[in-house]
Amino acid sequence: MRYPTLKRTLAALAVFGLALPAFADTSVTDAWVRATVAHQQSTGAFMTLTASSDSKLVDVQSPVAEIVQVHQMTMDNDVMGMKQVQSVELPAGKAVSLDPNGYHVMLMKLKQQVKEGEQVPLTLVIEDAKGQKQTLEIKAPVRALNAEMHGHEHMH
């Protein structure tokens, strides 16, 4: 039995597969989310990102919050500032820390309390220097309320 159409389709798919661009590989380590108390509306997510080629973090999503944004904490003359950023640069091979003292992910308008021991799903969107996007699905463990924040207690 012959399947010329199937063979042509498979050959075309094989060629197409070879032509697909190789995505930059980005690793995520030490991801965690701070636990909340009942009725608390926001919390932070923290992690370390390392990209194999120049890339940037351009979006984060999570089903536990209505609003998810990347923020940057700054200090200017002993005054703490907080602002949303559109992206975080990920230089090739350099570990970039998202922590309470710099860039971090804010989970706002929480849909429920985030409790120690749970796992929070996060979807990270990484864009490489050519504009190609990669989606990473991670589960960040929730750490205790008293996990060290380095003076960032009044985040929002």
N, C-alpha and C. Protein backbone atom coordinates (compact mmCIF):
# COMPACT_ATOMS: atom_id res chain seq x y z
N MET A 1 0.83 -1.17 0.00
CA MET A 1 0.00 0.00 0.00
C MET A 1 0.89 1.24 0.00
N ARG A 2 0.53 2.23 -0.83
CA ARG A 2 1.36 3.42 -0.94
C ARG A 2 0.60 4.63 -0.41
N TYR A 3 1.37 5.53 0.19
CA TYR A 3 0.80 6.75 0.76
C TYR A 3 1.62 7.95 0.31
N PRO A 4 1.56 8.32 -0.98
CA PRO A 4 2.40 9.42 -1.45
C PRO A 4 2.08 10.75 -0.75
N THR A 5 0.82 11.00 -0.46
CA THR A 5 0.46 12.26 0.19
C THR A 5 1.03 12.29 1.60
N LEU A 6 0.93 11.19 2.31
CA LEU A 6 1.46 11.11 3.67
C LEU A 6 2.97 11.30 3.66
N LYS A 7 3.66 10.66 2.69
CA LYS A 7 5.11 10.80 2.60
C LYS A 7 5.51 12.25 2.34
N ARG A 8 4.79 12.92 1.43
CA ARG A 8 5.09 14.32 1.14
C ARG A 8 4.84 15.19 2.37
N THR A 9 3.76 14.90 3.08
CA THR A 9 3.44 15.68 4.28
C THR A 9 4.51 15.49 5.34
N LEU A 10 4.93 14.25 5.55
CA LEU A 10 5.97 13.98 6.54
C LEU A 10 7.29 14.62 6.14
N ALA A 11 7.60 14.58 4.85
CA ALA A 11 8.84 15.21 4.37
C ALA A 11 8.78 16.72 4.59
N ALA A 12 7.64 17.32 4.30
CA ALA A 12 7.48 18.76 4.50
C ALA A 12 7.60 19.12 5.99
N LEU A 13 6.99 18.30 6.83
CA LEU A 13 7.08 18.55 8.28
C LEU A 13 8.52 18.42 8.76
N ALA A 14 9.25 17.45 8.22
CA ALA A 14 10.65 17.27 8.63
C ALA A 14 11.48 18.49 8.23
N VAL A 15 11.27 18.99 7.03
CA VAL A 15 11.99 20.18 6.57
C VAL A 15 11.61 21.37 7.43
N PHE A 16 10.31 21.53 7.68
CA PHE A 16 9.85 22.63 8.51
C PHE A 16 10.47 22.54 9.91
N GLY A 17 10.51 21.34 10.45
CA GLY A 17 11.09 21.14 11.78
C GLY A 17 12.55 21.54 11.83
N LEU A 18 13.28 21.26 10.77
CA LEU A 18 14.68 21.65 10.72
C LEU A 18 14.85 23.16 10.61
N ALA A 19 13.83 23.82 10.07
CA ALA A 19 13.92 25.27 9.88
C ALA A 19 13.46 26.05 11.11
N LEU A 20 12.89 25.38 12.08
CA LEU A 20 12.43 26.08 13.27
C LEU A 20 13.61 26.68 14.02
N PRO A 21 13.47 27.90 14.51
CA PRO A 21 14.58 28.51 15.24
C PRO A 21 14.77 27.83 16.59
N ALA A 22 15.99 27.78 17.02
CA ALA A 22 16.29 27.22 18.33
C ALA A 22 16.05 28.32 19.36
N PHE A 23 15.20 28.03 20.32
CA PHE A 23 14.92 29.03 21.36
C PHE A 23 16.07 29.11 22.33
N ALA A 24 16.27 30.30 22.83
CA ALA A 24 17.26 30.48 23.89
C ALA A 24 16.77 29.69 25.09
N ASP A 25 17.67 29.04 25.74
CA ASP A 25 17.31 28.25 26.90
C ASP A 25 17.43 29.14 28.14
N THR A 26 16.36 29.23 28.90
CA THR A 26 16.37 30.03 30.12
C THR A 26 16.06 29.12 31.29
N SER A 27 16.89 29.17 32.32
CA SER A 27 16.63 28.35 33.50
C SER A 27 16.11 29.23 34.63
N VAL A 28 15.28 28.63 35.45
CA VAL A 28 14.70 29.31 36.61
C VAL A 28 15.10 28.51 37.84
N THR A 29 15.73 29.17 38.80
CA THR A 29 16.11 28.51 40.05
C THR A 29 15.62 29.33 41.23
N ASP A 30 15.53 28.70 42.38
CA ASP A 30 15.17 29.35 43.64
C ASP A 30 13.88 30.15 43.56
N ALA A 31 12.89 29.68 42.81
CA ALA A 31 11.61 30.38 42.73
C ALA A 31 10.81 30.17 44.01
N TRP A 32 10.18 31.24 44.50
CA TRP A 32 9.31 31.12 45.66
C TRP A 32 8.36 32.32 45.72
N VAL A 33 7.27 32.12 46.46
CA VAL A 33 6.26 33.15 46.66
C VAL A 33 6.06 33.31 48.16
N ARG A 34 5.91 34.56 48.61
CA ARG A 34 5.68 34.83 50.03
C ARG A 34 4.23 34.53 50.39
N ALA A 35 4.03 33.81 51.49
CA ALA A 35 2.69 33.50 52.00
C ALA A 35 1.96 34.79 52.38
N THR A 36 0.65 34.71 52.44
CA THR A 36 -0.16 35.87 52.82
C THR A 36 -1.04 35.53 54.02
N VAL A 37 -1.62 36.56 54.60
CA VAL A 37 -2.64 36.38 55.64
C VAL A 37 -4.00 36.51 54.96
N ALA A 38 -5.05 36.10 55.64
CA ALA A 38 -6.39 36.19 55.08
C ALA A 38 -6.69 37.62 54.63
N HIS A 39 -7.29 37.75 53.47
CA HIS A 39 -7.73 39.02 52.89
C HIS A 39 -6.59 39.92 52.41
N GLN A 40 -5.34 39.46 52.48
CA GLN A 40 -4.23 40.24 51.93
C GLN A 40 -4.38 40.24 50.41
N GLN A 41 -4.20 41.38 49.79
CA GLN A 41 -4.46 41.53 48.36
C GLN A 41 -3.26 41.32 47.44
N SER A 42 -2.05 41.30 48.01
CA SER A 42 -0.89 41.16 47.13
C SER A 42 0.25 40.44 47.83
N THR A 43 1.14 39.90 47.01
CA THR A 43 2.35 39.27 47.52
C THR A 43 3.39 39.31 46.40
N GLY A 44 4.58 38.86 46.72
CA GLY A 44 5.67 38.87 45.75
C GLY A 44 6.12 37.47 45.38
N ALA A 45 6.65 37.36 44.17
CA ALA A 45 7.27 36.12 43.70
C ALA A 45 8.72 36.46 43.34
N PHE A 46 9.61 35.56 43.69
CA PHE A 46 11.04 35.81 43.56
C PHE A 46 11.71 34.60 42.93
N MET A 47 12.81 34.81 42.23
CA MET A 47 13.51 33.71 41.55
C MET A 47 14.80 34.21 40.95
N THR A 48 15.59 33.30 40.41
CA THR A 48 16.79 33.65 39.66
C THR A 48 16.62 33.10 38.25
N LEU A 49 16.86 33.97 37.26
CA LEU A 49 16.74 33.59 35.85
C LEU A 49 18.12 33.65 35.19
N THR A 50 18.43 32.64 34.38
CA THR A 50 19.67 32.62 33.63
C THR A 50 19.34 32.21 32.20
N ALA A 51 19.62 33.10 31.25
CA ALA A 51 19.35 32.83 29.83
C ALA A 51 20.65 32.46 29.12
N SER A 52 20.55 31.57 28.15
CA SER A 52 21.75 31.16 27.41
C SER A 52 22.16 32.18 26.34
N SER A 53 21.22 33.05 25.96
CA SER A 53 21.55 34.14 25.02
C SER A 53 20.84 35.40 25.50
N ASP A 54 21.28 36.55 25.02
CA ASP A 54 20.66 37.80 25.44
C ASP A 54 19.16 37.74 25.23
N SER A 55 18.42 37.95 26.30
CA SER A 55 16.96 37.84 26.29
C SER A 55 16.40 38.83 27.29
N LYS A 56 15.08 38.80 27.44
CA LYS A 56 14.45 39.61 28.48
C LYS A 56 13.15 38.96 28.92
N LEU A 57 12.83 39.16 30.18
CA LEU A 57 11.56 38.73 30.73
C LEU A 57 10.55 39.80 30.36
N VAL A 58 9.49 39.44 29.60
CA VAL A 58 8.56 40.45 29.12
C VAL A 58 7.16 40.31 29.72
N ASP A 59 6.86 39.18 30.36
CA ASP A 59 5.52 39.02 30.94
C ASP A 59 5.55 37.88 31.94
N VAL A 60 4.67 37.99 32.93
CA VAL A 60 4.45 36.91 33.91
C VAL A 60 2.94 36.85 34.14
N GLN A 61 2.42 35.64 34.24
CA GLN A 61 1.00 35.44 34.49
C GLN A 61 0.85 34.38 35.57
N SER A 62 -0.27 34.43 36.30
CA SER A 62 -0.57 33.41 37.30
C SER A 62 -2.07 33.37 37.53
N PRO A 63 -2.63 32.17 37.67
CA PRO A 63 -4.07 32.06 37.93
C PRO A 63 -4.47 32.50 39.34
N VAL A 64 -3.51 32.73 40.24
CA VAL A 64 -3.86 33.10 41.62
C VAL A 64 -4.13 34.59 41.79
N ALA A 65 -3.81 35.40 40.75
CA ALA A 65 -3.96 36.85 40.87
C ALA A 65 -4.59 37.44 39.62
N GLU A 66 -5.40 38.48 39.82
CA GLU A 66 -5.99 39.17 38.67
C GLU A 66 -4.95 40.00 37.93
N ILE A 67 -3.98 40.54 38.67
CA ILE A 67 -2.95 41.38 38.07
C ILE A 67 -1.58 40.83 38.45
N VAL A 68 -0.73 40.65 37.44
CA VAL A 68 0.65 40.20 37.68
C VAL A 68 1.56 41.18 36.93
N GLN A 69 2.48 41.79 37.66
CA GLN A 69 3.38 42.77 37.07
C GLN A 69 4.80 42.55 37.58
N VAL A 70 5.76 42.96 36.76
CA VAL A 70 7.15 42.96 37.20
C VAL A 70 7.44 44.37 37.70
N HIS A 71 7.97 44.47 38.91
CA HIS A 71 8.28 45.76 39.53
C HIS A 71 9.76 45.86 39.84
N GLN A 72 10.20 47.08 40.03
CA GLN A 72 11.57 47.33 40.46
C GLN A 72 11.52 48.23 41.69
N MET A 73 12.21 47.80 42.74
CA MET A 73 12.34 48.60 43.95
C MET A 73 13.65 49.37 43.84
N THR A 74 13.61 50.66 44.16
CA THR A 74 14.80 51.49 44.11
C THR A 74 14.92 52.28 45.40
N MET A 75 16.14 52.68 45.72
CA MET A 75 16.39 53.56 46.85
C MET A 75 17.05 54.83 46.31
N ASP A 76 16.49 55.99 46.69
CA ASP A 76 17.03 57.27 46.26
C ASP A 76 17.05 58.19 47.48
N ASN A 77 18.24 58.49 47.98
CA ASN A 77 18.37 59.32 49.20
C ASN A 77 17.55 58.76 50.35
N ASP A 78 17.69 57.48 50.60
CA ASP A 78 16.99 56.78 51.68
C ASP A 78 15.47 56.74 51.51
N VAL A 79 14.98 56.98 50.30
CA VAL A 79 13.55 56.88 50.04
C VAL A 79 13.33 55.71 49.09
N MET A 80 12.51 54.75 49.53
CA MET A 80 12.22 53.59 48.71
C MET A 80 11.19 53.95 47.65
N GLY A 81 11.45 53.51 46.44
CA GLY A 81 10.50 53.72 45.35
C GLY A 81 10.14 52.39 44.73
N MET A 82 8.97 52.34 44.09
CA MET A 82 8.51 51.11 43.46
C MET A 82 7.86 51.49 42.14
N LYS A 83 8.24 50.79 41.08
CA LYS A 83 7.60 51.08 39.80
C LYS A 83 7.52 49.82 38.96
N GLN A 84 6.49 49.77 38.14
CA GLN A 84 6.34 48.67 37.20
C GLN A 84 7.33 48.87 36.06
N VAL A 85 7.89 47.76 35.57
CA VAL A 85 8.77 47.79 34.41
C VAL A 85 8.17 46.90 33.31
N GLN A 86 8.47 47.23 32.07
CA GLN A 86 7.93 46.46 30.95
C GLN A 86 8.72 45.19 30.67
N SER A 87 10.01 45.17 31.09
CA SER A 87 10.83 43.99 30.88
C SER A 87 12.04 44.03 31.79
N VAL A 88 12.67 42.88 31.94
CA VAL A 88 13.92 42.76 32.70
C VAL A 88 14.94 42.11 31.77
N GLU A 89 16.04 42.81 31.55
CA GLU A 89 17.10 42.29 30.68
C GLU A 89 17.74 41.05 31.30
N LEU A 90 17.98 40.04 30.47
CA LEU A 90 18.64 38.80 30.88
C LEU A 90 19.87 38.61 30.00
N PRO A 91 21.01 39.19 30.39
CA PRO A 91 22.23 39.04 29.59
C PRO A 91 22.66 37.57 29.52
N ALA A 92 23.17 37.16 28.39
CA ALA A 92 23.58 35.78 28.17
C ALA A 92 24.50 35.27 29.28
N GLY A 93 24.12 34.15 29.88
CA GLY A 93 24.95 33.48 30.86
C GLY A 93 25.02 34.13 32.23
N LYS A 94 24.35 35.25 32.43
CA LYS A 94 24.43 35.95 33.71
C LYS A 94 23.14 35.70 34.51
N ALA A 95 23.30 35.25 35.75
CA ALA A 95 22.15 35.02 36.62
C ALA A 95 21.56 36.37 37.04
N VAL A 96 20.25 36.52 36.82
CA VAL A 96 19.55 37.74 37.20
C VAL A 96 18.57 37.39 38.30
N SER A 97 18.75 38.04 39.44
CA SER A 97 17.93 37.73 40.60
C SER A 97 16.71 38.64 40.67
N LEU A 98 15.53 38.03 40.80
CA LEU A 98 14.31 38.77 41.09
C LEU A 98 14.10 38.58 42.58
N ASP A 99 14.34 39.64 43.35
CA ASP A 99 14.30 39.53 44.81
C ASP A 99 13.63 40.77 45.40
N PRO A 100 13.37 40.79 46.69
CA PRO A 100 12.67 41.92 47.30
C PRO A 100 13.41 43.25 47.20
N ASN A 101 14.71 43.23 46.91
CA ASN A 101 15.49 44.46 46.89
C ASN A 101 15.71 45.03 45.51
N GLY A 102 15.09 44.47 44.51
CA GLY A 102 15.30 44.95 43.14
C GLY A 102 14.09 44.60 42.30
N TYR A 103 14.34 43.91 41.19
CA TYR A 103 13.23 43.43 40.37
C TYR A 103 12.52 42.31 41.10
N HIS A 104 11.21 42.25 40.97
CA HIS A 104 10.43 41.15 41.55
C HIS A 104 9.07 41.11 40.86
N VAL A 105 8.37 40.02 41.04
CA VAL A 105 7.03 39.86 40.46
C VAL A 105 6.01 40.17 41.53
N MET A 106 5.06 41.05 41.21
CA MET A 106 3.97 41.36 42.13
C MET A 106 2.71 40.62 41.67
N LEU A 107 2.12 39.88 42.60
CA LEU A 107 0.84 39.20 42.37
C LEU A 107 -0.20 40.03 43.13
N MET A 108 -1.08 40.71 42.40
CA MET A 108 -2.02 41.64 43.01
C MET A 108 -3.47 41.24 42.73
N LYS A 109 -4.35 41.70 43.62
CA LYS A 109 -5.76 41.30 43.58
C LYS A 109 -5.83 39.77 43.63
N LEU A 110 -5.22 39.23 44.67
CA LEU A 110 -5.19 37.77 44.85
C LEU A 110 -6.60 37.22 44.91
N LYS A 111 -6.79 36.06 44.32
CA LYS A 111 -8.10 35.42 44.29
C LYS A 111 -8.36 34.61 45.55
N GLN A 112 -7.28 34.32 46.31
CA GLN A 112 -7.38 33.54 47.54
C GLN A 112 -6.12 33.74 48.35
N GLN A 113 -6.17 33.31 49.58
CA GLN A 113 -4.97 33.39 50.43
C GLN A 113 -3.92 32.42 49.87
N VAL A 114 -2.67 32.85 49.90
CA VAL A 114 -1.55 32.01 49.46
C VAL A 114 -0.89 31.48 50.73
N LYS A 115 -0.93 30.16 50.92
CA LYS A 115 -0.48 29.57 52.17
C LYS A 115 0.83 28.81 52.03
N GLU A 116 1.61 28.88 53.11
CA GLU A 116 2.89 28.17 53.16
C GLU A 116 2.66 26.70 52.82
N GLY A 117 3.56 26.16 51.98
CA GLY A 117 3.47 24.76 51.59
C GLY A 117 2.76 24.54 50.26
N GLU A 118 2.01 25.55 49.80
CA GLU A 118 1.35 25.44 48.50
C GLU A 118 2.35 25.70 47.38
N GLN A 119 1.91 25.47 46.17
CA GLN A 119 2.69 25.77 44.97
C GLN A 119 1.89 26.77 44.14
N VAL A 120 2.54 27.84 43.69
CA VAL A 120 1.88 28.85 42.86
C VAL A 120 2.36 28.69 41.42
N PRO A 121 1.44 28.43 40.49
CA PRO A 121 1.84 28.34 39.09
C PRO A 121 2.15 29.73 38.53
N LEU A 122 3.25 29.83 37.82
CA LEU A 122 3.65 31.07 37.16
C LEU A 122 4.01 30.76 35.72
N THR A 123 3.59 31.61 34.81
CA THR A 123 3.95 31.49 33.41
C THR A 123 4.84 32.68 33.08
N LEU A 124 6.08 32.39 32.71
CA LEU A 124 7.05 33.43 32.37
C LEU A 124 7.19 33.48 30.85
N VAL A 125 7.19 34.69 30.30
CA VAL A 125 7.39 34.86 28.86
C VAL A 125 8.74 35.54 28.67
N ILE A 126 9.64 34.83 27.97
CA ILE A 126 10.99 35.31 27.71
C ILE A 126 11.09 35.61 26.21
N GLU A 127 11.66 36.78 25.89
CA GLU A 127 11.84 37.15 24.49
C GLU A 127 13.34 37.27 24.20
N ASP A 128 13.78 36.60 23.12
CA ASP A 128 15.20 36.67 22.79
C ASP A 128 15.50 37.93 21.96
N ALA A 129 16.74 38.13 21.62
CA ALA A 129 17.17 39.33 20.91
C ALA A 129 16.54 39.43 19.52
N LYS A 130 16.07 38.32 18.96
CA LYS A 130 15.43 38.32 17.64
C LYS A 130 13.92 38.52 17.73
N GLY A 131 13.42 38.69 18.95
CA GLY A 131 11.98 38.91 19.13
C GLY A 131 11.16 37.64 19.26
N GLN A 132 11.83 36.48 19.32
CA GLN A 132 11.12 35.20 19.46
C GLN A 132 10.81 34.98 20.94
N LYS A 133 9.59 34.52 21.22
CA LYS A 133 9.16 34.34 22.60
C LYS A 133 9.12 32.88 23.00
N GLN A 134 9.47 32.65 24.26
CA GLN A 134 9.47 31.32 24.86
C GLN A 134 8.64 31.42 26.13
N THR A 135 7.80 30.44 26.39
CA THR A 135 6.98 30.42 27.59
C THR A 135 7.51 29.35 28.53
N LEU A 136 7.72 29.72 29.78
CA LEU A 136 8.17 28.77 30.80
C LEU A 136 7.08 28.64 31.86
N GLU A 137 6.68 27.43 32.14
CA GLU A 137 5.69 27.16 33.18
C GLU A 137 6.44 26.64 34.41
N ILE A 138 6.29 27.33 35.53
CA ILE A 138 6.94 26.87 36.75
C ILE A 138 5.92 26.83 37.88
N LYS A 139 6.27 26.14 38.93
CA LYS A 139 5.48 26.12 40.17
C LYS A 139 6.41 26.57 41.28
N ALA A 140 6.06 27.71 41.87
CA ALA A 140 6.91 28.28 42.92
C ALA A 140 6.34 27.91 44.28
N PRO A 141 7.15 27.31 45.16
CA PRO A 141 6.67 26.98 46.49
C PRO A 141 6.41 28.25 47.30
N VAL A 142 5.41 28.18 48.16
CA VAL A 142 5.08 29.31 49.02
C VAL A 142 5.85 29.16 50.32
N ARG A 143 6.58 30.23 50.67
CA ARG A 143 7.36 30.25 51.90
C ARG A 143 6.63 31.05 52.98
N ALA A 144 7.04 30.85 54.20
CA ALA A 144 6.40 31.48 55.36
C ALA A 144 6.37 33.00 55.25
N LEU A 145 5.41 33.59 55.92
CA LEU A 145 5.28 35.04 55.98
C LEU A 145 6.55 35.72 56.46
N ASN A 146 7.25 35.06 57.37
CA ASN A 146 8.45 35.68 57.95
C ASN A 146 9.72 35.35 57.17
N ALA A 147 9.57 34.81 55.95
CA ALA A 147 10.76 34.60 55.11
C ALA A 147 11.40 35.96 54.90
N GLU A 148 12.71 36.01 54.97
CA GLU A 148 13.44 37.28 54.98
C GLU A 148 13.13 38.14 53.77
N MET A 149 12.78 39.40 54.02
CA MET A 149 12.46 40.34 52.96
C MET A 149 13.45 41.47 52.85
N HIS A 150 14.39 41.57 53.71
CA HIS A 150 15.42 42.61 53.65
C HIS A 150 14.83 44.02 53.61
N GLY A 151 13.95 44.33 54.57
CA GLY A 151 13.42 45.67 54.67
C GLY A 151 12.36 46.02 53.65
N HIS A 152 11.75 45.02 53.03
CA HIS A 152 10.80 45.27 51.98
C HIS A 152 9.37 44.97 52.45
N GLU A 153 9.14 45.03 53.75
CA GLU A 153 7.86 44.63 54.31
C GLU A 153 6.69 45.46 53.81
N HIS A 154 6.94 46.71 53.47
CA HIS A 154 5.84 47.60 53.08
C HIS A 154 5.74 47.72 51.56
N MET A 155 5.91 46.60 50.90
CA MET A 155 6.00 46.59 49.45
C MET A 155 4.80 47.29 48.80
N HIS A 156 3.59 46.91 49.13
CA HIS A 156 2.40 47.52 48.52
C HIS A 156 1.25 47.45 49.50
